[in-house]
């Protein structure tokens, strides 16, 4: 069993009675009926199937073709909320059968589900648009975080800097505290800049 945000889903395969793969199964194929099967419990009522509105729509009964005769269907959280054990989907359609992969359900907690694309996007936008970061007080190391590396570039673009014939300095926001000093030289052929310290 897999989960996308708060919507769990199961995979299954569709096989025609002659043994060939059913590659054109859809939610309203003639005679289609899919039920959730759980260890030691009665099968669920047949799922009410419908077309998914998009690749992340796994509400109960939402139907996805993955490839060839491999499909996914959303199942209700109620079917697993107080259940631990093995779960699968099984079913039939006119001219064939549906065999689901069997999955093990541990204690289900929607709060522990992987984030969906929308929530990840919201968190990223929050970091970019809301969170603030102090400027650096020293030169970042070669293995520093991406945040520190971006801040370093921003400080060079924004803050006061001075250069003489022998050194270049970067200042903090107060324009007096030296954050970095680099040696520079130019012999008329090659300009050289030392590592920041």
Protein backbone atom coordinates (compact mmCIF):
# COMPACT_ATOMS: atom_id res chain seq x y z
CA UNK A 1 0.00 0.00 0.00
CA UNK A 2 1.22 3.42 -0.86
CA UNK A 3 0.19 6.84 0.30
CA UNK A 4 0.21 10.23 -1.35
CA UNK A 5 -0.50 12.91 1.25
CA UNK A 6 -3.64 11.60 3.01
CA UNK A 7 -4.78 9.37 0.13
CA UNK A 8 -3.68 5.71 0.17
CA UNK A 9 -3.69 3.64 -3.01
CA UNK A 10 -3.06 0.11 -4.19
CA UNK A 11 -1.70 -1.31 -7.43
CA UNK A 12 -3.24 -4.08 -9.47
CA UNK A 13 -2.97 -5.84 -12.80
CA UNK A 14 -5.77 -6.64 -15.25
CA UNK A 15 -5.78 -9.95 -17.14
CA UNK A 16 -8.17 -11.13 -19.82
CA UNK A 17 -9.57 -14.65 -19.46
CA UNK A 18 -7.32 -15.83 -22.30
CA UNK A 19 -4.27 -14.82 -20.21
CA UNK A 20 -3.40 -11.70 -22.18
CA UNK A 21 -2.79 -8.35 -20.52
CA UNK A 22 -5.74 -5.96 -20.42
CA UNK A 23 -4.14 -2.68 -21.48
CA UNK A 24 -7.24 -0.58 -22.00
CA UNK A 25 -9.07 -0.99 -18.68
CA UNK A 26 -10.86 2.17 -17.57
CA UNK A 27 -12.97 3.02 -14.55
CA UNK A 28 -16.20 2.33 -16.45
CA UNK A 29 -15.17 -0.81 -18.35
CA UNK A 30 -18.16 -3.15 -18.69
CA UNK A 31 -18.69 -5.28 -15.59
CA UNK A 32 -15.82 -3.76 -13.61
CA UNK A 33 -15.96 -4.25 -9.85
CA UNK A 34 -13.05 -3.75 -7.44
CA UNK A 35 -13.11 -4.51 -3.74
CA UNK A 36 -10.56 -4.05 -0.96
CA UNK A 37 -9.53 -7.34 0.67
CA UNK A 38 -8.05 -7.31 4.19
CA UNK A 39 -6.77 -10.17 6.37
CA UNK A 40 -9.46 -11.73 8.56
CA UNK A 41 -12.07 -9.12 7.59
CA UNK A 42 -14.94 -9.13 5.16
CA UNK A 43 -14.21 -7.62 1.77
CA UNK A 44 -15.24 -4.01 1.36
CA UNK A 45 -18.18 -3.03 -0.75
CA UNK A 46 -17.21 -2.50 -4.37
CA UNK A 47 -15.34 0.78 -4.80
CA UNK A 48 -17.16 3.55 -6.63
CA UNK A 49 -14.72 4.13 -9.47
CA UNK A 50 -14.11 7.37 -11.32
CA UNK A 51 -11.45 8.94 -13.49
CA UNK A 52 -8.66 10.72 -11.63
CA UNK A 53 -8.52 14.46 -12.19
CA UNK A 54 -4.72 14.41 -12.32
CA UNK A 55 -1.60 12.40 -11.44
CA UNK A 56 -1.88 13.12 -7.69
CA UNK A 57 -5.63 12.51 -7.35
CA UNK A 58 -5.83 9.33 -5.27
CA UNK A 59 -9.11 9.87 -3.46
CA UNK A 60 -11.05 6.65 -2.87
CA UNK A 61 -12.03 5.04 -6.17
CA UNK A 62 -9.87 7.28 -8.35
CA UNK A 63 -8.49 5.20 -11.19
CA UNK A 64 -5.05 5.50 -12.85
CA UNK A 65 -3.39 3.49 -15.60
CA UNK A 66 0.34 3.33 -14.94
CA UNK A 67 1.58 1.31 -17.93
CA UNK A 68 0.45 -1.68 -19.98
CA UNK A 69 -1.88 -3.64 -17.67
CA UNK A 70 -0.68 -2.08 -14.41
CA UNK A 71 -3.14 0.24 -12.65
CA UNK A 72 -3.67 2.06 -9.35
CA UNK A 73 -6.82 2.83 -7.43
CA UNK A 74 -7.31 5.10 -4.43
CA UNK A 75 -8.79 3.50 -1.33
CA UNK A 76 -10.46 5.18 1.63
CA UNK A 77 -8.44 5.95 4.73
CA UNK A 78 -11.28 4.36 6.73
CA UNK A 79 -10.37 0.97 5.26
CA UNK A 80 -6.95 1.13 6.93
CA UNK A 81 -7.32 3.57 9.83
CA UNK A 82 -7.75 0.86 12.47
CA UNK A 83 -6.28 -2.07 10.57
CA UNK A 84 -2.89 -3.75 10.58
CA UNK A 85 -2.16 -6.69 8.33
CA UNK A 86 -2.21 -7.52 4.64
CA UNK A 87 -4.39 -5.63 2.18
CA UNK A 88 -5.01 -5.85 -1.54
CA UNK A 89 -7.59 -5.08 -4.17
CA UNK A 90 -9.24 -7.74 -6.29
CA UNK A 91 -11.94 -7.62 -8.87
CA UNK A 92 -13.44 -8.56 -12.17
CA UNK A 93 -14.58 -7.02 -15.40
CA UNK A 94 -16.43 -8.53 -18.33
CA UNK A 95 -13.88 -10.86 -19.86
CA UNK A 96 -11.20 -10.74 -17.20
CA UNK A 97 -9.91 -10.50 -13.65
CA UNK A 98 -8.10 -7.94 -11.50
CA UNK A 99 -5.27 -9.17 -9.28
CA UNK A 100 -3.86 -6.74 -6.78
CA UNK A 101 -0.44 -6.65 -5.21
CA UNK A 102 -0.61 -7.54 -1.52
CA UNK A 103 0.74 -4.93 0.85
CA UNK A 104 1.28 -4.88 4.60
CA UNK A 105 -0.36 -2.12 6.60
CA UNK A 106 1.34 -0.90 9.75
CA UNK A 107 -0.39 1.45 12.15
CA UNK A 108 -1.74 4.14 9.85
CA UNK A 109 -1.19 7.78 10.71
CA UNK A 110 -2.03 10.38 8.04
CA UNK A 111 0.31 12.85 9.77
CA UNK A 112 3.25 10.63 8.77
CA UNK A 113 2.43 10.52 5.08
CA UNK A 114 4.91 11.87 2.55
CA UNK A 115 4.13 15.44 1.54
CA UNK A 116 2.37 15.97 -1.73
CA UNK A 117 3.57 18.33 -4.45
CA UNK A 118 1.38 21.23 -3.28
CA UNK A 119 2.61 21.12 0.31
CA UNK A 120 6.25 20.83 -0.81
CA UNK A 121 5.73 23.82 -3.10
CA UNK A 122 4.18 25.81 -0.24
CA UNK A 123 7.13 25.06 2.04
CA UNK A 124 9.67 26.03 -0.63
CA UNK A 125 7.83 29.29 -1.32
CA UNK A 126 7.76 29.99 2.41
CA UNK A 127 11.54 29.59 2.63
CA UNK A 128 12.08 31.80 -0.40
CA UNK A 129 9.53 34.52 0.39
CA UNK A 130 9.12 34.61 4.17
CA UNK A 131 12.17 33.22 5.97
CA UNK A 132 15.04 35.62 6.52
CA UNK A 133 18.72 34.88 7.10
CA UNK A 134 21.42 36.98 8.72
CA UNK A 135 24.44 37.91 6.68
CA UNK A 136 27.66 36.01 7.25
CA UNK A 137 30.23 37.18 9.77
CA UNK A 138 33.06 35.26 8.14
CA UNK A 139 34.03 33.59 4.89
CA UNK A 140 31.98 30.40 4.34
CA UNK A 141 33.92 27.16 4.03
CA UNK A 142 34.19 25.29 0.74
CA UNK A 143 31.67 22.76 2.09
CA UNK A 144 29.22 25.27 3.56
CA UNK A 145 25.47 25.13 3.00
CA UNK A 146 23.86 26.39 -0.17
CA UNK A 147 22.20 29.11 1.91
CA UNK A 148 25.61 30.42 3.05
CA UNK A 149 27.00 30.27 -0.48
CA UNK A 150 24.07 32.30 -1.84
CA UNK A 151 24.36 34.77 1.05
CA UNK A 152 28.06 35.16 0.26
CA UNK A 153 27.31 36.09 -3.36
CA UNK A 154 24.57 38.49 -2.26
CA UNK A 155 26.94 40.20 0.21
CA UNK A 156 29.49 40.79 -2.56
CA UNK A 157 26.78 42.26 -4.79
CA UNK A 158 25.20 44.45 -2.09
CA UNK A 159 27.73 45.42 0.57
CA UNK A 160 30.61 47.84 0.54
CA UNK A 161 33.88 46.51 -0.91
CA UNK A 162 37.28 48.16 -1.39
CA UNK A 163 40.31 47.23 -3.45
CA UNK A 164 43.87 48.45 -3.51
CA UNK A 165 46.77 47.26 -5.63
CA UNK A 166 47.39 44.43 -3.13
CA UNK A 167 44.11 43.51 -1.41
CA UNK A 168 40.35 43.43 -1.77
CA UNK A 169 38.02 43.68 1.25
CA UNK A 170 34.36 42.87 1.78
CA UNK A 171 32.51 44.66 4.58
CA UNK A 172 29.48 43.75 6.66
CA UNK A 173 26.20 45.64 6.36
CA UNK A 174 27.54 48.27 8.80
CA UNK A 175 30.14 49.21 6.12
CA UNK A 176 33.00 49.19 8.69
CA UNK A 177 33.42 45.56 9.82
CA UNK A 178 35.70 43.62 7.47
CA UNK A 179 34.26 40.19 6.68
CA UNK A 180 36.82 39.05 4.13
CA UNK A 181 40.24 40.02 2.83
CA UNK A 182 41.77 38.69 -0.39
CA UNK A 183 45.20 39.39 -1.82
CA UNK A 184 45.28 40.71 -5.37
CA UNK A 185 48.09 41.36 -7.81
CA UNK A 186 48.57 42.27 -11.44
CA UNK A 187 51.93 41.99 -13.18
CA UNK A 188 50.61 43.45 -16.41
CA UNK A 189 49.96 40.01 -17.88
CA UNK A 190 48.08 38.10 -15.19
CA UNK A 191 45.61 39.37 -12.63
CA UNK A 192 45.60 37.11 -9.56
CA UNK A 193 43.18 36.95 -6.62
CA UNK A 194 43.94 34.99 -3.49
CA UNK A 195 41.49 32.87 -1.53
CA UNK A 196 39.22 34.79 0.83
CA UNK A 197 40.17 34.74 4.49
